[in-house]
């Protein structure tokens, strides 16, 4: 398998980039008019996780986020509200087309992006040899990353990358790392778990030895 090198960067989180502060009189869709929105559709800089912020207690309200993934496939995620803080989702949205509240929202709520994202999956040979990977951060970068993998058939028709749980090979990393794994696995991805600067970049390279 040839060396595969990718470079990743993204904007910092935008707490109300999808929906600015608002309330509802009952179950209703939030208006999508944040800085990331055009004509009621929020478009991310890269596919990334969505967050809901509440100024008060909305712990009984469920928000259903609808949009598309990096391939244009329709995805949804339910995020339960909290009390006076932010709750993060875990799916990677390329666009958000609807945010539906299940009940009255009696305190200001905002919807935006988090400081988390996962890169596209990189398929590898399940029966292949050792897979090595190198992760390099730009100078003075301040971020945290993990390397995740799966044994599922990610090339199967209809497979959605955010429909399964992933296993972690490395986690809580804050610097460069050159590592390898014997598997077995079918695909890997880089998970950004804390991103703090739009000027940071991460370069990652995969290389699998053949038997």
N, C-alpha and C. Protein backbone atom coordinates (compact mmCIF):
# COMPACT_ATOMS: atom_id res chain seq x y z
N UNK A 1 0.84 -1.19 0.00
CA UNK A 1 0.00 0.00 0.00
C UNK A 1 0.88 1.25 0.00
N UNK A 2 0.55 2.20 -0.83
CA UNK A 2 1.31 3.43 -0.88
C UNK A 2 1.11 4.26 0.37
N UNK A 3 2.11 5.11 0.66
CA UNK A 3 1.95 6.07 1.75
C UNK A 3 0.78 7.00 1.43
N UNK A 4 -0.03 7.28 2.42
CA UNK A 4 -1.17 8.18 2.25
C UNK A 4 -1.04 9.30 3.26
N UNK A 5 -0.85 10.53 2.79
CA UNK A 5 -0.64 11.67 3.67
C UNK A 5 -1.77 12.68 3.50
N UNK A 6 -2.31 13.13 4.63
CA UNK A 6 -3.39 14.12 4.63
C UNK A 6 -3.03 15.24 5.59
N UNK A 7 -3.53 16.44 5.31
CA UNK A 7 -3.36 17.59 6.22
C UNK A 7 -4.74 18.09 6.63
N UNK A 8 -4.89 18.35 7.92
CA UNK A 8 -6.18 18.75 8.47
C UNK A 8 -6.05 20.06 9.22
N UNK A 9 -7.03 20.94 9.04
CA UNK A 9 -7.16 22.14 9.85
C UNK A 9 -8.64 22.51 9.91
N UNK A 10 -9.02 23.29 10.90
CA UNK A 10 -10.41 23.74 10.98
C UNK A 10 -10.52 25.02 11.78
N UNK A 11 -11.67 25.68 11.68
CA UNK A 11 -11.92 26.90 12.43
C UNK A 11 -12.16 26.56 13.90
N UNK A 12 -12.01 27.55 14.75
CA UNK A 12 -12.33 27.36 16.17
C UNK A 12 -13.85 27.21 16.31
N UNK A 13 -14.28 26.73 17.46
CA UNK A 13 -15.71 26.51 17.68
C UNK A 13 -16.48 27.82 17.58
N UNK A 14 -17.72 27.71 17.17
CA UNK A 14 -18.62 28.86 17.06
C UNK A 14 -19.91 28.47 17.78
N UNK A 15 -20.09 28.95 19.01
CA UNK A 15 -21.16 28.46 19.88
C UNK A 15 -22.55 28.68 19.30
N UNK A 16 -22.74 29.77 18.55
CA UNK A 16 -24.06 30.04 17.97
C UNK A 16 -23.99 30.16 16.45
N UNK A 17 -23.04 29.47 15.86
CA UNK A 17 -22.86 29.55 14.40
C UNK A 17 -24.00 28.97 13.60
N UNK A 18 -24.80 28.08 14.22
CA UNK A 18 -25.95 27.48 13.52
C UNK A 18 -27.22 28.22 13.88
N UNK A 19 -27.50 28.34 15.16
CA UNK A 19 -28.70 29.06 15.61
C UNK A 19 -28.33 30.02 16.73
N UNK A 20 -28.67 31.28 16.55
CA UNK A 20 -28.40 32.27 17.59
C UNK A 20 -29.42 32.12 18.71
N UNK A 21 -29.20 32.79 19.84
CA UNK A 21 -30.03 32.64 21.03
C UNK A 21 -31.51 32.84 20.72
N UNK A 22 -32.33 31.87 21.16
CA UNK A 22 -33.77 31.94 20.92
C UNK A 22 -34.52 31.02 21.88
N UNK A 23 -35.83 31.21 21.94
CA UNK A 23 -36.72 30.37 22.73
C UNK A 23 -37.86 29.90 21.84
N UNK A 24 -38.63 28.92 22.32
CA UNK A 24 -39.80 28.47 21.58
C UNK A 24 -41.00 28.39 22.52
N UNK A 25 -42.20 28.51 21.94
CA UNK A 25 -43.42 28.44 22.73
C UNK A 25 -43.87 27.00 22.96
N UNK A 26 -43.25 26.07 22.27
CA UNK A 26 -43.59 24.66 22.37
C UNK A 26 -42.63 23.87 21.51
N UNK A 27 -43.01 22.63 21.19
CA UNK A 27 -42.19 21.86 20.27
C UNK A 27 -42.13 22.58 18.94
N UNK A 28 -40.92 22.83 18.44
CA UNK A 28 -40.78 23.63 17.23
C UNK A 28 -39.36 23.51 16.69
N UNK A 29 -39.19 23.93 15.45
CA UNK A 29 -37.85 24.00 14.87
C UNK A 29 -37.20 25.34 15.23
N UNK A 30 -35.92 25.28 15.60
CA UNK A 30 -35.18 26.52 15.81
C UNK A 30 -34.87 27.14 14.46
N UNK A 31 -34.77 28.46 14.44
CA UNK A 31 -34.36 29.11 13.20
C UNK A 31 -32.86 28.97 13.03
N UNK A 32 -32.44 28.70 11.81
CA UNK A 32 -31.01 28.53 11.51
C UNK A 32 -30.54 29.81 10.83
N UNK A 33 -30.01 30.71 11.64
CA UNK A 33 -29.62 32.03 11.14
C UNK A 33 -28.27 32.47 11.69
N UNK A 34 -27.47 31.52 12.17
CA UNK A 34 -26.15 31.86 12.68
C UNK A 34 -25.19 32.24 11.57
N UNK A 35 -23.96 32.54 11.95
CA UNK A 35 -22.96 33.01 10.99
C UNK A 35 -22.63 31.95 9.93
N UNK A 36 -22.88 30.69 10.22
CA UNK A 36 -22.59 29.61 9.27
C UNK A 36 -23.76 29.36 8.31
N UNK A 37 -24.87 30.05 8.52
CA UNK A 37 -26.11 29.76 7.79
C UNK A 37 -26.30 30.64 6.56
N UNK A 38 -26.84 30.01 5.52
CA UNK A 38 -27.30 30.71 4.32
C UNK A 38 -28.63 30.09 3.93
N UNK A 39 -29.67 30.91 3.85
CA UNK A 39 -31.00 30.43 3.45
C UNK A 39 -31.45 29.25 4.29
N UNK A 40 -31.20 29.32 5.59
CA UNK A 40 -31.68 28.29 6.50
C UNK A 40 -30.88 27.01 6.55
N UNK A 41 -29.71 27.00 5.93
CA UNK A 41 -28.83 25.83 5.97
C UNK A 41 -27.46 26.27 6.48
N UNK A 42 -26.98 25.60 7.54
CA UNK A 42 -25.66 25.90 8.09
C UNK A 42 -24.64 24.97 7.44
N UNK A 43 -23.56 25.53 6.92
CA UNK A 43 -22.51 24.75 6.27
C UNK A 43 -21.21 24.88 7.06
N UNK A 44 -20.65 23.75 7.46
CA UNK A 44 -19.43 23.75 8.26
C UNK A 44 -18.19 23.93 7.38
N UNK A 45 -17.12 24.39 8.00
CA UNK A 45 -15.85 24.49 7.27
C UNK A 45 -15.30 23.10 6.96
N UNK A 46 -15.45 22.17 7.91
CA UNK A 46 -15.15 20.76 7.73
C UNK A 46 -16.25 19.99 8.47
N UNK A 47 -16.53 18.75 8.10
CA UNK A 47 -17.51 17.97 8.87
C UNK A 47 -17.06 17.90 10.33
N UNK A 48 -17.96 18.23 11.24
CA UNK A 48 -17.57 18.35 12.64
C UNK A 48 -18.79 18.19 13.55
N UNK A 49 -18.51 18.13 14.86
CA UNK A 49 -19.55 17.89 15.84
C UNK A 49 -20.34 19.17 16.14
N UNK A 50 -21.59 18.97 16.53
CA UNK A 50 -22.52 20.06 16.82
C UNK A 50 -22.76 20.12 18.33
N UNK A 51 -23.00 21.33 18.84
CA UNK A 51 -23.25 21.51 20.27
C UNK A 51 -24.50 22.35 20.50
N UNK A 52 -25.14 22.11 21.66
CA UNK A 52 -26.29 22.91 22.09
C UNK A 52 -25.91 23.58 23.40
N UNK A 53 -26.06 24.89 23.46
CA UNK A 53 -25.79 25.66 24.68
C UNK A 53 -27.11 26.20 25.23
N UNK A 54 -27.28 26.12 26.54
CA UNK A 54 -28.47 26.64 27.19
C UNK A 54 -28.09 27.61 28.30
N UNK A 55 -28.81 28.72 28.37
CA UNK A 55 -28.58 29.69 29.45
C UNK A 55 -29.25 29.26 30.75
N UNK A 56 -30.22 28.33 30.65
CA UNK A 56 -30.94 27.85 31.84
C UNK A 56 -31.15 26.36 31.76
N UNK A 57 -32.17 25.88 32.45
CA UNK A 57 -32.41 24.44 32.55
C UNK A 57 -33.37 23.96 31.46
N UNK A 58 -32.85 23.20 30.51
CA UNK A 58 -33.69 22.58 29.47
C UNK A 58 -33.38 21.08 29.42
N UNK A 59 -33.15 20.50 30.59
CA UNK A 59 -32.73 19.10 30.66
C UNK A 59 -33.79 18.12 30.18
N UNK A 60 -35.04 18.58 30.03
CA UNK A 60 -36.09 17.68 29.56
C UNK A 60 -36.36 17.84 28.06
N UNK A 61 -35.64 18.72 27.42
CA UNK A 61 -35.86 18.97 25.99
C UNK A 61 -34.84 18.20 25.16
N UNK A 62 -35.34 17.53 24.14
CA UNK A 62 -34.47 16.78 23.22
C UNK A 62 -34.42 17.54 21.90
N UNK A 63 -33.21 17.78 21.41
CA UNK A 63 -33.01 18.46 20.13
C UNK A 63 -32.60 17.44 19.08
N UNK A 64 -33.34 17.39 18.00
CA UNK A 64 -33.00 16.49 16.89
C UNK A 64 -32.36 17.31 15.78
N UNK A 65 -31.09 17.04 15.55
CA UNK A 65 -30.32 17.76 14.53
C UNK A 65 -30.33 16.93 13.25
N UNK A 66 -30.69 17.57 12.16
CA UNK A 66 -30.76 16.90 10.85
C UNK A 66 -29.84 17.62 9.88
N UNK A 67 -29.18 16.85 9.04
CA UNK A 67 -28.30 17.45 8.05
C UNK A 67 -27.69 16.39 7.16
N UNK A 68 -26.46 16.65 6.71
CA UNK A 68 -25.76 15.71 5.85
C UNK A 68 -24.34 15.47 6.36
N UNK A 69 -23.79 14.30 6.00
CA UNK A 69 -22.41 14.00 6.35
C UNK A 69 -21.47 14.46 5.25
N UNK A 70 -20.22 14.07 5.33
CA UNK A 70 -19.21 14.54 4.37
C UNK A 70 -19.47 14.03 2.95
N UNK A 71 -20.29 12.98 2.81
CA UNK A 71 -20.58 12.42 1.49
C UNK A 71 -21.95 12.85 0.97
N UNK A 72 -22.64 13.69 1.73
CA UNK A 72 -23.94 14.15 1.31
C UNK A 72 -25.09 13.26 1.76
N UNK A 73 -24.79 12.21 2.52
CA UNK A 73 -25.84 11.33 3.03
C UNK A 73 -26.56 12.00 4.18
N UNK A 74 -27.88 11.77 4.28
CA UNK A 74 -28.68 12.35 5.35
C UNK A 74 -28.33 11.70 6.68
N UNK A 75 -28.14 12.51 7.73
CA UNK A 75 -27.88 12.00 9.07
C UNK A 75 -28.69 12.81 10.08
N UNK A 76 -28.98 12.19 11.20
CA UNK A 76 -29.65 12.86 12.31
C UNK A 76 -28.96 12.49 13.61
N UNK A 77 -29.10 13.35 14.59
CA UNK A 77 -28.55 13.08 15.92
C UNK A 77 -29.45 13.74 16.95
N UNK A 78 -29.72 13.04 18.05
CA UNK A 78 -30.50 13.61 19.14
C UNK A 78 -29.55 14.05 20.25
N UNK A 79 -29.74 15.26 20.73
CA UNK A 79 -28.93 15.83 21.79
C UNK A 79 -29.87 16.32 22.88
N UNK A 80 -29.73 15.79 24.07
CA UNK A 80 -30.60 16.18 25.19
C UNK A 80 -30.05 17.43 25.86
N UNK A 81 -30.92 18.39 26.10
CA UNK A 81 -30.50 19.65 26.70
C UNK A 81 -29.96 19.49 28.12
N UNK A 82 -29.31 20.51 28.60
CA UNK A 82 -28.70 20.50 29.94
C UNK A 82 -29.05 21.80 30.67
N UNK A 83 -28.46 21.99 31.83
CA UNK A 83 -28.77 23.14 32.67
C UNK A 83 -27.62 24.13 32.69
N UNK A 84 -27.76 25.22 31.93
CA UNK A 84 -26.81 26.32 31.99
C UNK A 84 -25.42 26.00 31.51
N UNK A 85 -25.29 25.12 30.53
CA UNK A 85 -23.97 24.79 30.00
C UNK A 85 -24.12 24.27 28.58
N UNK A 86 -23.06 23.68 28.05
CA UNK A 86 -23.04 23.18 26.68
C UNK A 86 -22.99 21.67 26.67
N UNK A 87 -23.74 21.06 25.76
CA UNK A 87 -23.68 19.61 25.56
C UNK A 87 -23.29 19.36 24.11
N UNK A 88 -22.31 18.47 23.92
CA UNK A 88 -21.77 18.20 22.59
C UNK A 88 -22.37 16.95 21.97
N UNK A 89 -22.57 17.00 20.66
CA UNK A 89 -22.93 15.82 19.91
C UNK A 89 -21.67 15.07 19.52
N UNK A 90 -21.83 13.98 18.77
CA UNK A 90 -20.67 13.15 18.41
C UNK A 90 -20.60 12.81 16.93
N UNK A 91 -21.58 13.25 16.15
CA UNK A 91 -21.56 12.96 14.72
C UNK A 91 -20.94 14.12 13.95
N UNK A 92 -20.42 13.81 12.77
CA UNK A 92 -19.75 14.81 11.94
C UNK A 92 -20.71 15.35 10.88
N UNK A 93 -21.20 16.57 11.10
CA UNK A 93 -22.13 17.20 10.18
C UNK A 93 -21.37 18.11 9.21
N UNK A 94 -21.64 17.93 7.92
CA UNK A 94 -21.14 18.86 6.92
C UNK A 94 -22.10 20.02 6.76
N UNK A 95 -23.40 19.71 6.87
CA UNK A 95 -24.43 20.74 6.87
C UNK A 95 -25.46 20.41 7.94
N UNK A 96 -26.16 21.43 8.41
CA UNK A 96 -27.30 21.26 9.31
C UNK A 96 -28.48 21.97 8.67
N UNK A 97 -29.57 21.23 8.46
CA UNK A 97 -30.74 21.77 7.78
C UNK A 97 -31.91 21.97 8.72
N UNK A 98 -31.86 21.33 9.91
CA UNK A 98 -32.97 21.47 10.84
C UNK A 98 -32.51 21.15 12.25
N UNK A 99 -33.01 21.91 13.22
CA UNK A 99 -32.83 21.61 14.64
C UNK A 99 -34.21 21.68 15.28
N UNK A 100 -34.74 20.53 15.67
CA UNK A 100 -36.10 20.46 16.21
C UNK A 100 -36.07 20.25 17.71
N UNK A 101 -36.78 21.10 18.44
CA UNK A 101 -36.91 20.98 19.89
C UNK A 101 -38.17 20.19 20.19
N UNK A 102 -38.06 19.25 21.14
CA UNK A 102 -39.19 18.36 21.44
C UNK A 102 -40.25 19.00 22.32
N UNK A 103 -39.93 20.13 22.94
CA UNK A 103 -40.85 20.77 23.87
C UNK A 103 -40.50 22.25 23.99
N UNK A 104 -41.26 22.97 24.81
CA UNK A 104 -41.02 24.39 25.00
C UNK A 104 -39.58 24.64 25.46
N UNK A 105 -38.97 25.66 24.88
CA UNK A 105 -37.63 26.09 25.28
C UNK A 105 -37.81 27.46 25.93
N UNK A 106 -37.86 27.48 27.25
CA UNK A 106 -38.19 28.69 27.97
C UNK A 106 -37.00 29.52 28.39
N UNK A 107 -35.82 29.18 27.92
CA UNK A 107 -34.61 29.94 28.21
C UNK A 107 -33.79 29.99 26.93
N UNK A 108 -32.95 30.98 26.78
CA UNK A 108 -32.20 31.11 25.55
C UNK A 108 -31.33 29.88 25.27
N UNK A 109 -31.41 29.39 24.05
CA UNK A 109 -30.62 28.26 23.62
C UNK A 109 -29.90 28.64 22.33
N UNK A 110 -28.68 28.14 22.18
CA UNK A 110 -27.88 28.38 20.98
C UNK A 110 -27.39 27.04 20.45
N UNK A 111 -27.19 26.98 19.14
CA UNK A 111 -26.64 25.78 18.51
C UNK A 111 -25.45 26.19 17.66
N UNK A 112 -24.35 25.46 17.80
CA UNK A 112 -23.16 25.81 17.03
C UNK A 112 -22.23 24.62 16.91
N UNK A 113 -20.97 24.91 16.64
CA UNK A 113 -19.97 23.87 16.46
C UNK A 113 -19.15 23.69 17.74
N UNK A 114 -18.56 22.52 17.88
CA UNK A 114 -17.68 22.23 19.01
C UNK A 114 -16.23 22.34 18.57
N UNK A 115 -15.30 21.98 19.47
CA UNK A 115 -13.88 21.92 19.11
C UNK A 115 -13.46 20.50 18.78
N UNK A 116 -14.45 19.69 18.33
CA UNK A 116 -14.20 18.28 18.01
C UNK A 116 -14.60 17.97 16.57
N UNK A 117 -13.85 17.06 15.96
CA UNK A 117 -14.16 16.58 14.62
C UNK A 117 -13.39 15.29 14.38
N UNK A 118 -13.88 14.51 13.46
CA UNK A 118 -13.18 13.29 13.05
C UNK A 118 -12.92 13.34 11.56
N UNK A 119 -11.73 12.92 11.14
CA UNK A 119 -11.43 12.92 9.72
C UNK A 119 -12.16 11.77 9.03
N UNK A 120 -12.15 11.80 7.72
CA UNK A 120 -12.72 10.69 6.96
C UNK A 120 -11.97 9.40 7.28
N UNK A 121 -12.66 8.29 7.20
CA UNK A 121 -12.03 7.00 7.43
C UNK A 121 -11.06 6.66 6.31
N UNK A 122 -9.95 6.02 6.69
CA UNK A 122 -8.98 5.56 5.71
C UNK A 122 -9.01 4.04 5.68
N UNK A 123 -9.61 3.43 4.64
CA UNK A 123 -9.70 1.97 4.58
C UNK A 123 -8.32 1.32 4.41
N UNK A 124 -8.12 0.20 5.07
CA UNK A 124 -6.88 -0.56 4.95
C UNK A 124 -7.23 -2.02 4.68
N UNK A 125 -6.21 -2.81 4.41
CA UNK A 125 -6.40 -4.22 4.12
C UNK A 125 -6.53 -5.00 5.43
N UNK A 126 -7.73 -5.56 5.66
CA UNK A 126 -7.99 -6.30 6.89
C UNK A 126 -7.01 -7.45 7.08
N UNK A 127 -6.60 -8.06 5.97
CA UNK A 127 -5.68 -9.20 6.03
C UNK A 127 -4.23 -8.78 5.79
N UNK A 128 -4.00 -7.48 5.75
CA UNK A 128 -2.67 -6.97 5.48
C UNK A 128 -1.77 -7.03 6.69
N UNK A 129 -0.57 -6.49 6.52
CA UNK A 129 0.41 -6.50 7.59
C UNK A 129 0.26 -5.30 8.52
N UNK A 130 1.30 -5.04 9.26
CA UNK A 130 1.31 -3.95 10.25
C UNK A 130 1.00 -2.62 9.59
N UNK A 131 0.18 -1.82 10.26
CA UNK A 131 -0.15 -0.48 9.79
C UNK A 131 0.57 0.53 10.66
N UNK A 132 1.36 1.38 10.06
CA UNK A 132 2.04 2.43 10.81
C UNK A 132 1.43 3.77 10.46
N UNK A 133 1.49 4.70 11.42
CA UNK A 133 0.97 6.02 11.16
C UNK A 133 1.82 7.06 11.89
N UNK A 134 1.96 8.19 11.24
CA UNK A 134 2.74 9.31 11.77
C UNK A 134 1.83 10.52 11.84
N UNK A 135 1.76 11.15 13.01
CA UNK A 135 0.97 12.36 13.20
C UNK A 135 1.92 13.49 13.58
N UNK A 136 1.87 14.58 12.82
CA UNK A 136 2.76 15.72 13.06
C UNK A 136 1.93 16.99 13.18
N UNK A 137 2.16 17.76 14.24
CA UNK A 137 1.46 19.01 14.47
C UNK A 137 2.30 20.18 14.00
N UNK A 138 1.64 21.24 13.57
CA UNK A 138 2.37 22.44 13.20
C UNK A 138 3.04 23.05 14.42
N UNK A 139 4.01 23.93 14.18
CA UNK A 139 4.76 24.53 15.27
C UNK A 139 3.83 25.25 16.24
N UNK A 140 4.05 25.02 17.53
CA UNK A 140 3.28 25.66 18.61
C UNK A 140 1.80 25.32 18.61
N UNK A 141 1.42 24.25 17.91
CA UNK A 141 0.01 23.86 17.87
C UNK A 141 -0.46 23.45 19.26
N UNK A 142 -1.70 23.82 19.57
CA UNK A 142 -2.30 23.48 20.85
C UNK A 142 -3.61 22.75 20.59
N UNK A 143 -3.55 21.44 20.61
CA UNK A 143 -4.73 20.63 20.34
C UNK A 143 -4.53 19.24 20.93
N UNK A 144 -5.61 18.49 20.98
CA UNK A 144 -5.56 17.12 21.48
C UNK A 144 -6.18 16.21 20.45
N UNK A 145 -5.55 15.05 20.24
CA UNK A 145 -6.05 14.15 19.21
C UNK A 145 -6.00 12.70 19.68
N UNK A 146 -6.72 11.85 18.95
CA UNK A 146 -6.73 10.41 19.20
C UNK A 146 -6.74 9.71 17.85
N UNK A 147 -6.36 8.45 17.83
CA UNK A 147 -6.44 7.64 16.62
C UNK A 147 -7.45 6.53 16.87
N UNK A 148 -8.44 6.44 16.00
CA UNK A 148 -9.52 5.48 16.17
C UNK A 148 -9.56 4.50 15.01
N UNK A 149 -10.11 3.30 15.28
CA UNK A 149 -10.21 2.31 14.21
C UNK A 149 -11.47 1.47 14.37
N UNK A 150 -11.80 0.73 13.31
CA UNK A 150 -12.95 -0.16 13.33
C UNK A 150 -12.61 -1.44 12.58
N UNK A 151 -13.38 -2.48 12.85
CA UNK A 151 -13.26 -3.75 12.11
C UNK A 151 -14.48 -3.96 11.22
N UNK A 152 -15.36 -2.97 11.13
CA UNK A 152 -16.54 -3.07 10.29
C UNK A 152 -16.18 -2.88 8.82
N UNK A 153 -17.05 -3.36 7.93
CA UNK A 153 -16.84 -3.20 6.50
C UNK A 153 -17.28 -1.79 6.10
N UNK A 154 -16.35 -0.87 6.06
CA UNK A 154 -16.68 0.53 5.80
C UNK A 154 -16.97 0.79 4.33
N UNK A 155 -16.70 -0.19 3.48
CA UNK A 155 -16.96 -0.05 2.04
C UNK A 155 -18.30 -0.65 1.64
N UNK A 156 -19.05 -1.18 2.61
CA UNK A 156 -20.35 -1.77 2.32
C UNK A 156 -21.33 -0.70 1.86
N UNK A 157 -22.20 -1.01 0.90
CA UNK A 157 -23.21 -0.02 0.46
C UNK A 157 -24.05 0.47 1.63
N UNK A 158 -24.23 1.78 1.71
CA UNK A 158 -25.06 2.36 2.75
C UNK A 158 -24.37 2.57 4.08
N UNK A 159 -23.08 2.21 4.19
CA UNK A 159 -22.38 2.41 5.45
C UNK A 159 -22.29 3.89 5.78
N UNK A 160 -22.60 4.24 7.03
CA UNK A 160 -22.48 5.61 7.52
C UNK A 160 -21.41 5.64 8.60
N UNK A 161 -20.43 6.51 8.45
CA UNK A 161 -19.27 6.50 9.35
C UNK A 161 -19.63 6.80 10.80
N UNK A 162 -20.70 7.54 11.03
CA UNK A 162 -21.07 7.89 12.40
C UNK A 162 -22.16 7.00 12.97
N UNK A 163 -22.39 5.84 12.34
CA UNK A 163 -23.44 4.93 12.81
C UNK A 163 -22.89 3.83 13.71
N UNK A 164 -21.58 3.82 13.96
CA UNK A 164 -20.96 2.75 14.75
C UNK A 164 -20.07 3.35 15.83
N UNK A 165 -19.70 2.49 16.79
CA UNK A 165 -18.73 2.87 17.82
C UNK A 165 -17.33 2.51 17.33
N UNK A 166 -16.35 3.29 17.73
CA UNK A 166 -14.97 3.06 17.32
C UNK A 166 -14.11 2.65 18.51
N UNK A 167 -13.05 1.93 18.20
CA UNK A 167 -12.06 1.59 19.21
C UNK A 167 -10.90 2.56 19.09
N UNK A 168 -10.21 2.78 20.19
CA UNK A 168 -9.14 3.77 20.23
C UNK A 168 -7.78 3.10 20.30
N UNK A 169 -6.89 3.52 19.41
CA UNK A 169 -5.52 3.01 19.43
C UNK A 169 -4.63 3.91 20.28
N UNK A 170 -4.81 5.21 20.14
CA UNK A 170 -4.14 6.20 20.99
C UNK A 170 -5.16 7.25 21.37
N UNK A 171 -5.03 7.84 22.55
CA UNK A 171 -5.95 8.88 22.97
C UNK A 171 -5.21 9.93 23.80
N UNK A 172 -5.77 11.13 23.88
CA UNK A 172 -5.20 12.18 24.71
C UNK A 172 -3.83 12.67 24.27
N UNK A 173 -3.56 12.59 22.96
CA UNK A 173 -2.26 13.00 22.45
C UNK A 173 -2.20 14.51 22.21
N UNK A 174 -1.09 15.15 22.56
CA UNK A 174 -0.94 16.59 22.39
C UNK A 174 0.30 16.97 21.59
N UNK A 175 0.98 15.99 21.05
CA UNK A 175 2.18 16.26 20.27
C UNK A 175 2.33 15.27 19.13
N UNK A 176 3.48 15.31 18.46
CA UNK A 176 3.76 14.38 17.36
C UNK A 176 3.84 12.95 17.89
N UNK A 177 3.52 11.99 17.03
CA UNK A 177 3.62 10.60 17.44
C UNK A 177 3.78 9.72 16.20
N UNK A 178 4.71 8.79 16.28
CA UNK A 178 4.95 7.80 15.22
C UNK A 178 4.66 6.44 15.84
N UNK A 179 3.60 5.78 15.38
CA UNK A 179 3.15 4.57 16.04
C UNK A 179 2.72 3.54 15.01
N UNK A 180 2.37 2.35 15.47
CA UNK A 180 1.90 1.29 14.57
C UNK A 180 0.94 0.39 15.32
N UNK A 181 0.14 -0.34 14.55
CA UNK A 181 -0.79 -1.30 15.12
C UNK A 181 -0.84 -2.54 14.25
N UNK A 182 -0.98 -3.70 14.89
CA UNK A 182 -1.04 -4.95 14.15
C UNK A 182 -2.45 -5.30 13.69
N UNK A 183 -3.44 -4.62 14.24
CA UNK A 183 -4.81 -4.93 13.86
C UNK A 183 -5.33 -6.16 14.59
N UNK A 184 -6.33 -6.86 14.01
CA UNK A 184 -6.90 -6.57 12.69
C UNK A 184 -7.83 -5.36 12.72
N UNK A 185 -7.92 -4.67 11.57
CA UNK A 185 -8.79 -3.53 11.44
C UNK A 185 -9.10 -3.31 9.97
N UNK A 186 -10.14 -2.54 9.71
CA UNK A 186 -10.52 -2.27 8.33
C UNK A 186 -10.33 -0.80 7.94
N UNK A 187 -10.31 0.09 8.93
CA UNK A 187 -10.16 1.51 8.62
C UNK A 187 -9.74 2.26 9.88
N UNK A 188 -9.08 3.40 9.66
CA UNK A 188 -8.66 4.26 10.76
C UNK A 188 -9.06 5.70 10.46
N UNK A 189 -9.13 6.50 11.52
CA UNK A 189 -9.36 7.92 11.35
C UNK A 189 -8.70 8.68 12.49
N UNK A 190 -8.40 9.94 12.23
CA UNK A 190 -7.86 10.83 13.25
C UNK A 190 -9.02 11.56 13.91
N UNK A 191 -9.08 11.52 15.23
CA UNK A 191 -10.14 12.20 15.97
C UNK A 191 -9.56 13.41 16.69
N UNK A 192 -10.06 14.58 16.37
CA UNK A 192 -9.65 15.80 17.06
C UNK A 192 -10.58 15.98 18.26
N UNK A 193 -10.01 15.97 19.46
CA UNK A 193 -10.83 16.04 20.68
C UNK A 193 -10.75 17.39 21.38
N UNK A 194 -9.85 18.26 20.97
CA UNK A 194 -9.79 19.63 21.51
C UNK A 194 -8.98 20.50 20.55
N UNK A 195 -9.66 21.38 19.84
CA UNK A 195 -9.02 22.24 18.85
C UNK A 195 -9.12 23.68 19.33
N UNK A 196 -7.99 24.40 19.36
CA UNK A 196 -8.02 25.73 19.97
C UNK A 196 -7.61 26.88 19.06
N UNK A 197 -7.01 26.60 17.90
CA UNK A 197 -6.53 27.69 17.05
C UNK A 197 -6.75 27.37 15.58
N UNK A 198 -7.32 28.33 14.86
CA UNK A 198 -7.58 28.15 13.43
C UNK A 198 -6.30 28.08 12.62
N UNK A 199 -5.18 28.52 13.19
CA UNK A 199 -3.91 28.50 12.46
C UNK A 199 -3.17 27.18 12.60
N UNK A 200 -3.65 26.29 13.47
CA UNK A 200 -2.99 25.00 13.66
C UNK A 200 -3.28 24.06 12.48
N UNK A 201 -2.35 23.14 12.22
CA UNK A 201 -2.56 22.10 11.22
C UNK A 201 -2.03 20.77 11.77
N UNK A 202 -2.62 19.70 11.29
CA UNK A 202 -2.17 18.35 11.64
C UNK A 202 -1.94 17.60 10.34
N UNK A 203 -0.78 17.01 10.20
CA UNK A 203 -0.48 16.16 9.05
C UNK A 203 -0.36 14.73 9.52
N UNK A 204 -1.08 13.82 8.87
CA UNK A 204 -1.03 12.42 9.29
C UNK A 204 -0.81 11.53 8.07
N UNK A 205 0.01 10.49 8.29
CA UNK A 205 0.40 9.59 7.20
C UNK A 205 0.15 8.15 7.63
N UNK A 206 -0.48 7.37 6.74
CA UNK A 206 -0.69 5.95 6.95
C UNK A 206 0.18 5.15 6.00
N UNK A 207 0.69 4.02 6.48
CA UNK A 207 1.47 3.11 5.63
C UNK A 207 1.28 1.70 6.14
N UNK A 208 0.81 0.80 5.27
CA UNK A 208 0.59 -0.58 5.66
C UNK A 208 1.56 -1.49 4.91
N UNK A 209 2.24 -2.32 5.67
CA UNK A 209 3.17 -3.27 5.08
C UNK A 209 2.40 -4.45 4.49
N UNK A 210 2.85 -4.95 3.37
CA UNK A 210 2.24 -6.14 2.79
C UNK A 210 2.94 -7.37 3.31
N UNK A 211 2.20 -8.50 3.36
CA UNK A 211 2.78 -9.74 3.83
C UNK A 211 3.81 -10.25 2.85
